[in-house]
């Protein structure tokens, strides 16, 4: 498999992981005003940090592809999963 295809697959997997973490954060919040949240603020902050890290890795892969003369990926970083 050519490097471009492998890189694109990695980007898609990273976007899927990012989406899964975002979904977990969304469902872990309190359902009602006085209900206890499933995730603590510290855990939520840690997951948000992971999301930012994933976004930076995707950007790094994108820049590496452009540096190798490739056009941009089909998959973007805005939760676009085929």
N, C-alpha and C. Protein backbone atom coordinates (compact mmCIF):
# COMPACT_ATOMS: atom_id res chain seq x y z
N UNK A 1 0.85 -1.17 0.00
CA UNK A 1 0.00 0.00 0.00
C UNK A 1 0.90 1.24 0.00
N UNK A 2 0.66 2.17 -0.91
CA UNK A 2 1.48 3.38 -0.97
C UNK A 2 1.36 4.23 0.31
N UNK A 3 2.39 5.01 0.55
CA UNK A 3 2.43 5.83 1.76
C UNK A 3 1.23 6.77 1.85
N UNK A 4 0.81 7.33 0.74
CA UNK A 4 -0.33 8.25 0.76
C UNK A 4 -1.58 7.56 1.29
N UNK A 5 -1.85 6.36 0.81
CA UNK A 5 -3.03 5.62 1.27
C UNK A 5 -2.94 5.29 2.76
N UNK A 6 -1.76 4.88 3.18
CA UNK A 6 -1.58 4.57 4.62
C UNK A 6 -1.80 5.83 5.46
N UNK A 7 -1.25 6.94 4.99
CA UNK A 7 -1.40 8.21 5.72
C UNK A 7 -2.88 8.60 5.80
N UNK A 8 -3.60 8.46 4.69
CA UNK A 8 -5.01 8.81 4.69
C UNK A 8 -5.80 7.91 5.64
N UNK A 9 -5.46 6.63 5.69
CA UNK A 9 -6.14 5.71 6.62
C UNK A 9 -5.86 6.10 8.06
N UNK A 10 -4.63 6.50 8.34
CA UNK A 10 -4.28 6.94 9.69
C UNK A 10 -5.09 8.18 10.06
N UNK A 11 -5.20 9.12 9.13
CA UNK A 11 -5.96 10.34 9.39
C UNK A 11 -7.43 10.00 9.66
N UNK A 12 -8.01 9.13 8.88
CA UNK A 12 -9.40 8.73 9.09
C UNK A 12 -9.57 8.10 10.47
N UNK A 13 -8.66 7.21 10.85
CA UNK A 13 -8.73 6.57 12.17
C UNK A 13 -8.62 7.62 13.30
N UNK A 14 -7.72 8.59 13.12
CA UNK A 14 -7.57 9.63 14.14
C UNK A 14 -8.83 10.48 14.24
N UNK A 15 -9.44 10.79 13.11
CA UNK A 15 -10.69 11.57 13.13
C UNK A 15 -11.78 10.77 13.82
N UNK A 16 -11.85 9.48 13.55
CA UNK A 16 -12.85 8.64 14.22
C UNK A 16 -12.62 8.60 15.72
N UNK A 17 -11.37 8.50 16.14
CA UNK A 17 -11.04 8.49 17.57
C UNK A 17 -11.45 9.82 18.21
N UNK A 18 -11.15 10.90 17.53
CA UNK A 18 -11.53 12.23 18.02
C UNK A 18 -13.04 12.33 18.18
N UNK A 19 -13.78 11.84 17.19
CA UNK A 19 -15.24 11.88 17.25
C UNK A 19 -15.78 11.04 18.40
N UNK A 20 -15.17 9.88 18.63
CA UNK A 20 -15.60 9.01 19.73
C UNK A 20 -15.37 9.70 21.08
N UNK A 21 -14.25 10.36 21.23
CA UNK A 21 -13.96 11.07 22.48
C UNK A 21 -14.95 12.22 22.67
N UNK A 22 -15.22 12.95 21.60
CA UNK A 22 -16.20 14.05 21.69
C UNK A 22 -17.58 13.52 22.08
N UNK A 23 -17.97 12.37 21.51
CA UNK A 23 -19.25 11.76 21.87
C UNK A 23 -19.27 11.35 23.34
N UNK A 24 -18.16 10.77 23.81
CA UNK A 24 -18.09 10.35 25.21
C UNK A 24 -18.24 11.56 26.15
N UNK A 25 -17.60 12.66 25.81
CA UNK A 25 -17.72 13.87 26.63
C UNK A 25 -19.16 14.34 26.64
N UNK A 26 -19.80 14.31 25.47
CA UNK A 26 -21.17 14.80 25.36
C UNK A 26 -22.15 13.97 26.19
N UNK A 27 -22.00 12.65 26.17
CA UNK A 27 -22.95 11.82 26.91
C UNK A 27 -22.61 11.71 28.39
N UNK A 28 -21.42 12.12 28.78
CA UNK A 28 -21.01 12.00 30.18
C UNK A 28 -21.46 13.18 31.03
N UNK A 29 -21.95 14.21 30.39
CA UNK A 29 -22.42 15.37 31.14
C UNK A 29 -23.71 15.06 31.86
N UNK A 30 -24.08 15.91 32.80
CA UNK A 30 -25.33 15.69 33.53
C UNK A 30 -26.53 15.80 32.59
N UNK A 31 -27.51 14.91 32.77
CA UNK A 31 -28.72 14.93 31.94
C UNK A 31 -29.72 15.95 32.46
N UNK A 32 -29.64 16.24 33.73
CA UNK A 32 -30.54 17.21 34.34
C UNK A 32 -29.71 18.20 35.15
N UNK A 33 -30.33 19.28 35.51
CA UNK A 33 -29.62 20.37 36.17
C UNK A 33 -28.88 19.94 37.44
N UNK A 34 -29.47 19.13 38.26
CA UNK A 34 -28.87 18.76 39.53
C UNK A 34 -28.28 17.35 39.54
N UNK A 35 -28.19 16.74 38.39
CA UNK A 35 -27.63 15.40 38.30
C UNK A 35 -26.10 15.46 38.27
N UNK A 36 -25.48 14.44 38.82
CA UNK A 36 -24.02 14.39 38.86
C UNK A 36 -23.50 13.98 37.48
N UNK A 37 -22.45 14.64 37.03
CA UNK A 37 -21.81 14.28 35.76
C UNK A 37 -21.01 13.00 35.93
N UNK A 38 -20.91 12.21 34.87
CA UNK A 38 -20.16 10.96 34.91
C UNK A 38 -18.66 11.25 34.95
N UNK A 39 -18.22 12.27 34.22
CA UNK A 39 -16.80 12.63 34.18
C UNK A 39 -16.54 13.85 35.06
N UNK A 40 -15.46 13.81 35.79
CA UNK A 40 -15.08 14.98 36.57
C UNK A 40 -14.54 16.05 35.62
N UNK A 41 -14.42 17.24 36.11
CA UNK A 41 -13.86 18.33 35.30
C UNK A 41 -12.45 18.02 34.86
N UNK A 42 -11.69 17.38 35.73
CA UNK A 42 -10.31 17.02 35.40
C UNK A 42 -10.27 15.99 34.27
N UNK A 43 -11.15 15.00 34.34
CA UNK A 43 -11.21 13.99 33.28
C UNK A 43 -11.64 14.62 31.97
N UNK A 44 -12.63 15.49 32.03
CA UNK A 44 -13.11 16.19 30.84
C UNK A 44 -11.99 17.03 30.23
N UNK A 45 -11.24 17.73 31.07
CA UNK A 45 -10.11 18.53 30.58
C UNK A 45 -9.05 17.65 29.92
N UNK A 46 -8.79 16.49 30.52
CA UNK A 46 -7.82 15.56 29.95
C UNK A 46 -8.25 15.06 28.58
N UNK A 47 -9.54 14.75 28.43
CA UNK A 47 -10.04 14.30 27.14
C UNK A 47 -10.00 15.42 26.11
N UNK A 48 -10.30 16.64 26.54
CA UNK A 48 -10.20 17.77 25.62
C UNK A 48 -8.76 17.98 25.17
N UNK A 49 -7.82 17.72 26.06
CA UNK A 49 -6.40 17.82 25.72
C UNK A 49 -6.02 16.76 24.68
N UNK A 50 -6.57 15.56 24.84
CA UNK A 50 -6.32 14.50 23.86
C UNK A 50 -6.87 14.90 22.49
N UNK A 51 -8.05 15.49 22.48
CA UNK A 51 -8.64 15.95 21.22
C UNK A 51 -7.73 16.96 20.53
N UNK A 52 -7.22 17.91 21.30
CA UNK A 52 -6.30 18.90 20.73
C UNK A 52 -5.03 18.24 20.19
N UNK A 53 -4.53 17.25 20.91
CA UNK A 53 -3.34 16.53 20.45
C UNK A 53 -3.61 15.80 19.14
N UNK A 54 -4.76 15.16 19.05
CA UNK A 54 -5.12 14.46 17.82
C UNK A 54 -5.21 15.45 16.66
N UNK A 55 -5.81 16.61 16.90
CA UNK A 55 -5.92 17.62 15.85
C UNK A 55 -4.54 18.09 15.38
N UNK A 56 -3.61 18.24 16.33
CA UNK A 56 -2.25 18.65 15.96
C UNK A 56 -1.55 17.56 15.14
N UNK A 57 -1.76 16.30 15.51
CA UNK A 57 -1.15 15.19 14.76
C UNK A 57 -1.71 15.16 13.34
N UNK A 58 -3.01 15.34 13.20
CA UNK A 58 -3.63 15.37 11.87
C UNK A 58 -3.03 16.50 11.04
N UNK A 59 -2.88 17.66 11.64
CA UNK A 59 -2.29 18.80 10.93
C UNK A 59 -0.85 18.51 10.53
N UNK A 60 -0.10 17.87 11.40
CA UNK A 60 1.28 17.51 11.08
C UNK A 60 1.34 16.55 9.90
N UNK A 61 0.45 15.56 9.88
CA UNK A 61 0.40 14.63 8.76
C UNK A 61 0.02 15.35 7.47
N UNK A 62 -0.90 16.27 7.58
CA UNK A 62 -1.32 17.04 6.41
C UNK A 62 -0.16 17.87 5.86
N UNK A 63 0.57 18.53 6.75
CA UNK A 63 1.72 19.33 6.32
C UNK A 63 2.81 18.46 5.71
N UNK A 64 3.02 17.27 6.26
CA UNK A 64 4.02 16.35 5.71
C UNK A 64 3.63 15.93 4.30
N UNK A 65 2.35 15.69 4.08
CA UNK A 65 1.88 15.31 2.75
C UNK A 65 2.09 16.45 1.76
N UNK A 66 1.80 17.65 2.18
CA UNK A 66 1.99 18.80 1.29
C UNK A 66 3.48 19.01 1.00
N UNK A 67 4.32 18.74 1.99
CA UNK A 67 5.77 18.86 1.81
C UNK A 67 6.31 17.84 0.82
N UNK A 68 5.60 16.73 0.68
CA UNK A 68 6.01 15.69 -0.26
C UNK A 68 5.37 15.89 -1.63
N UNK A 69 4.69 17.04 -1.81
CA UNK A 69 4.08 17.35 -3.09
C UNK A 69 2.72 16.74 -3.31
N UNK A 70 2.12 16.18 -2.29
CA UNK A 70 0.78 15.60 -2.41
C UNK A 70 -0.25 16.71 -2.25
N UNK A 71 -1.41 16.50 -2.85
CA UNK A 71 -2.51 17.42 -2.64
C UNK A 71 -3.12 17.11 -1.29
N UNK A 72 -4.06 17.95 -0.86
CA UNK A 72 -4.65 17.76 0.45
C UNK A 72 -5.40 16.45 0.54
N UNK A 73 -5.62 15.99 1.77
CA UNK A 73 -6.33 14.75 2.01
C UNK A 73 -7.78 14.88 1.62
N UNK A 74 -8.40 13.74 1.36
CA UNK A 74 -9.85 13.72 1.17
C UNK A 74 -10.55 13.96 2.50
N UNK A 75 -9.97 13.45 3.57
CA UNK A 75 -10.56 13.60 4.90
C UNK A 75 -10.04 14.86 5.55
N UNK A 76 -10.94 15.65 6.11
CA UNK A 76 -10.56 16.88 6.79
C UNK A 76 -10.51 16.67 8.27
N UNK A 77 -10.27 17.72 9.02
CA UNK A 77 -10.21 17.61 10.47
C UNK A 77 -11.50 18.05 11.13
N UNK A 78 -12.50 18.37 10.34
CA UNK A 78 -13.76 18.83 10.90
C UNK A 78 -14.78 17.71 10.97
N UNK A 79 -14.39 16.59 11.52
CA UNK A 79 -15.27 15.45 11.74
C UNK A 79 -15.86 14.90 10.44
N UNK A 80 -15.08 14.91 9.38
CA UNK A 80 -15.54 14.39 8.10
C UNK A 80 -14.99 12.98 7.93
N UNK A 81 -15.81 12.00 8.22
CA UNK A 81 -15.39 10.61 8.07
C UNK A 81 -16.21 10.01 6.96
N UNK A 82 -15.55 9.39 5.96
CA UNK A 82 -16.31 8.81 4.84
C UNK A 82 -17.23 7.69 5.28
